[in-house]
Amino acid sequence: GVVTTYLQLHEALRSVMGEATPCAGVDIQLEATERPFVQWLHSRALGLDQGFQHMVETLCTDPCAPSGSRPRVSPGPVKSEHRMLEKVAAYRADLEQRGIDPEGRLPLAAYILDPVRASIICDSPRQVAEYALWLIESGEELGIPVVKVENKFAVLDSAEYDGHRDVMIAVIFTGNLGLK
């Protein structure tokens, strides 16, 4: 059953990764439930990161990419287990605030869409729009289907983001041996 699988996964991760120290600011019960999934996700992200970074670099030099100056790429670090647990706690609080029982939504680590990340740095808002549209329209064809777009240019209250504006695009990246 699910409980048996969870316990086996937890024990397998513990034997490989050892005991972890508690994450400050995260409910102990939530952490106990989610930590094995977060450790698994983090381990998977470490295995995908190099290929993901290469793919992003390749995108920016793709002959089908929007013409004009090429954007720069800034590789991002793999999201830490600590930060993942903080995000899981935030997802749980958000669900509870909306009156949704988070217990029916476990594991909450599945909501983490950016364990590996990179920034494509454009020279102008127009270039941001061109690249975002190209990725959204061509994602399937490029082998990186887009699953979420968060457009902070559309936010009227720039104070919400400290004046920073960007477009965050979550994709499904498939690495070696079909690892996603």
Protein backbone atom coordinates (compact mmCIF):
# COMPACT_ATOMS: atom_id res chain seq x y z
CA GLY A 1 0.00 0.00 0.00
CA VAL A 2 0.86 3.67 0.02
CA VAL A 3 2.02 3.61 3.65
CA THR A 4 4.34 0.68 2.98
CA THR A 5 5.75 2.36 -0.13
CA TYR A 6 6.25 5.62 1.79
CA LEU A 7 8.04 3.83 4.63
CA GLN A 8 10.22 1.90 2.20
CA LEU A 9 11.07 5.10 0.37
CA HIS A 10 11.81 6.85 3.66
CA GLU A 11 14.06 4.01 4.84
CA ALA A 12 15.84 3.81 1.48
CA LEU A 13 16.52 7.55 1.49
CA ARG A 14 17.66 7.46 5.11
CA SER A 15 20.14 4.68 4.33
CA VAL A 16 21.54 6.61 1.35
CA MET A 17 21.42 10.16 2.69
CA GLY A 18 21.58 9.69 6.45
CA GLU A 19 19.51 11.49 9.06
CA ALA A 20 18.81 15.13 8.38
CA THR A 21 18.63 17.96 10.86
CA PRO A 22 15.20 19.53 11.40
CA CYS A 23 14.32 22.54 9.26
CA ALA A 24 13.71 25.66 11.36
CA GLY A 25 10.28 27.20 10.84
CA VAL A 26 8.70 24.04 9.42
CA ASP A 27 6.16 22.01 11.40
CA ILE A 28 7.79 18.79 12.65
CA GLN A 29 4.92 16.56 11.49
CA LEU A 30 4.89 18.16 8.03
CA GLU A 31 8.66 17.82 7.81
CA ALA A 32 8.53 14.15 8.83
CA THR A 33 5.93 13.48 6.14
CA GLU A 34 7.52 15.53 3.37
CA ARG A 35 11.29 15.22 3.97
CA PRO A 36 11.67 11.87 2.13
CA PHE A 37 9.93 13.32 -0.93
CA VAL A 38 11.99 16.51 -0.74
CA GLN A 39 15.21 14.49 -0.46
CA TRP A 40 14.17 12.40 -3.47
CA LEU A 41 13.32 15.53 -5.48
CA HIS A 42 16.60 17.21 -4.51
CA SER A 43 18.59 14.12 -5.46
CA ARG A 44 16.82 13.97 -8.81
CA ALA A 45 17.45 17.70 -9.37
CA LEU A 46 21.17 17.21 -8.77
CA GLY A 47 21.18 14.55 -11.48
CA LEU A 48 19.32 16.76 -13.96
CA ASP A 49 21.00 20.09 -13.37
CA GLN A 50 23.97 19.86 -15.76
CA GLY A 51 21.80 18.72 -18.67
CA PHE A 52 19.20 21.39 -17.88
CA GLN A 53 21.81 24.16 -17.84
CA HIS A 54 23.18 22.94 -21.18
CA MET A 55 19.67 22.90 -22.66
CA VAL A 56 19.04 26.52 -21.60
CA GLU A 57 22.36 27.63 -23.13
CA THR A 58 21.43 25.81 -26.35
CA LEU A 59 18.00 27.49 -26.45
CA CYS A 60 19.58 30.92 -26.54
CA THR A 61 21.62 30.03 -29.64
CA ASP A 62 18.86 28.07 -31.42
CA PRO A 63 18.56 29.27 -35.04
CA CYS A 64 14.76 29.34 -34.64
CA ALA A 65 14.97 31.61 -31.58
CA PRO A 66 13.85 35.22 -31.99
CA SER A 67 16.34 37.25 -34.00
CA GLY A 68 18.35 40.15 -32.71
CA SER A 69 20.79 40.19 -29.84
CA ARG A 70 21.13 36.94 -27.95
CA PRO A 71 20.16 36.92 -24.31
CA ARG A 72 22.64 35.87 -21.63
CA VAL A 73 22.15 32.83 -19.45
CA SER A 74 22.73 32.82 -15.72
CA PRO A 75 22.69 29.29 -14.29
CA GLY A 76 20.77 29.02 -11.04
CA PRO A 77 21.67 26.74 -8.16
CA VAL A 78 19.66 23.60 -7.46
CA LYS A 79 16.99 24.51 -4.91
CA SER A 80 18.19 23.37 -1.48
CA GLU A 81 16.31 20.83 0.61
CA HIS A 82 15.83 23.51 3.28
CA ARG A 83 14.20 25.90 0.77
CA MET A 84 12.05 23.07 -0.61
CA LEU A 85 10.74 22.34 2.90
CA GLU A 86 9.98 26.04 3.38
CA LYS A 87 8.04 26.04 0.09
CA VAL A 88 6.12 22.91 1.15
CA ALA A 89 5.14 24.65 4.40
CA ALA A 90 3.98 27.69 2.40
CA TYR A 91 1.92 25.47 0.06
CA ARG A 92 0.29 23.81 3.06
CA ALA A 93 -0.54 27.18 4.66
CA ASP A 94 -1.99 28.42 1.36
CA LEU A 95 -4.21 25.34 1.01
CA GLU A 96 -5.40 25.65 4.62
CA GLN A 97 -6.13 29.36 4.14
CA ARG A 98 -8.32 28.48 1.14
CA GLY A 99 -10.16 25.85 3.21
CA ILE A 100 -8.60 22.88 1.42
CA ASP A 101 -7.43 19.90 3.48
CA PRO A 102 -3.74 19.48 2.59
CA GLU A 103 -3.75 15.85 3.77
CA GLY A 104 -5.56 14.89 0.57
CA ARG A 105 -2.87 16.61 -1.49
CA LEU A 106 0.23 14.80 -0.24
CA PRO A 107 3.05 14.84 -1.11
CA LEU A 108 3.14 18.62 -1.24
CA ALA A 109 6.68 18.42 -2.64
CA ALA A 110 4.99 17.65 -5.98
CA TYR A 111 4.03 21.35 -6.14
CA ILE A 112 7.68 22.37 -6.43
CA LEU A 113 8.18 23.15 -10.11
CA ASP A 114 11.67 24.66 -10.05
CA PRO A 115 14.19 22.38 -8.37
CA VAL A 116 16.57 23.20 -11.25
CA ARG A 117 16.56 26.69 -12.71
CA ALA A 118 18.32 29.22 -14.87
CA SER A 119 17.72 32.80 -15.91
CA ILE A 120 17.62 34.00 -19.49
CA ILE A 121 18.60 37.66 -19.24
CA CYS A 122 17.19 39.83 -21.98
CA ASP A 123 18.15 43.35 -23.03
CA SER A 124 14.62 44.78 -23.23
CA PRO A 125 10.99 44.04 -22.31
CA ARG A 126 10.38 43.41 -26.01
CA GLN A 127 13.05 40.69 -26.06
CA VAL A 128 11.53 39.16 -22.91
CA ALA A 129 8.14 39.04 -24.66
CA GLU A 130 9.62 37.56 -27.86
CA TYR A 131 11.53 34.80 -26.04
CA ALA A 132 8.62 34.02 -23.68
CA LEU A 133 6.19 33.73 -26.60
CA TRP A 134 8.65 31.58 -28.57
CA LEU A 135 9.15 29.20 -25.61
CA ILE A 136 5.41 28.98 -24.93
CA GLU A 137 4.54 28.34 -28.58
CA SER A 138 7.50 26.05 -29.36
CA GLY A 139 7.99 24.25 -26.04
CA GLU A 140 6.48 20.94 -27.14
CA GLU A 141 8.45 20.99 -30.39
CA LEU A 142 11.66 21.84 -28.52
CA GLY A 143 11.08 18.94 -26.11
CA ILE A 144 10.40 21.20 -23.11
CA PRO A 145 6.63 21.53 -22.74
CA VAL A 146 5.61 24.62 -20.77
CA VAL A 147 3.52 23.83 -17.68
CA LYS A 148 3.27 27.25 -16.01
CA VAL A 149 3.85 30.90 -16.85
CA GLU A 150 4.02 33.65 -14.23
CA ASN A 151 4.12 37.09 -15.84
CA LYS A 152 5.23 39.70 -13.31
CA PHE A 153 5.04 42.39 -15.98
CA ALA A 154 1.26 42.03 -15.69
CA VAL A 155 1.28 42.87 -11.96
CA LEU A 156 0.06 46.42 -11.44
CA ASP A 157 1.56 46.83 -7.96
CA SER A 158 5.31 46.74 -8.56
CA ALA A 159 5.88 47.10 -4.79
CA GLU A 160 4.73 43.48 -4.50
CA TYR A 161 7.93 42.42 -6.27
CA ASP A 162 10.17 45.29 -5.09
CA GLY A 163 9.97 46.81 -8.57
CA HIS A 164 11.48 43.67 -10.13
CA ARG A 165 9.72 42.36 -13.21
CA ASP A 166 10.24 39.08 -15.02
CA VAL A 167 8.43 36.20 -16.66
CA MET A 168 8.91 32.83 -14.98
CA ILE A 169 8.32 29.84 -17.23
CA ALA A 170 8.22 26.31 -15.82
CA VAL A 171 8.95 23.52 -18.29
CA ILE A 172 9.23 19.77 -18.15
CA PHE A 173 12.85 18.88 -18.83
CA THR A 174 13.74 15.30 -19.70
CA GLY A 175 17.36 14.38 -19.10
CA ASN A 176 19.39 11.27 -19.80
CA LEU A 177 17.59 7.94 -19.61
CA GLY A 178 14.21 9.69 -19.55
CA LEU A 179 14.70 11.25 -16.11
CA LYS A 180 12.30 14.21 -15.68
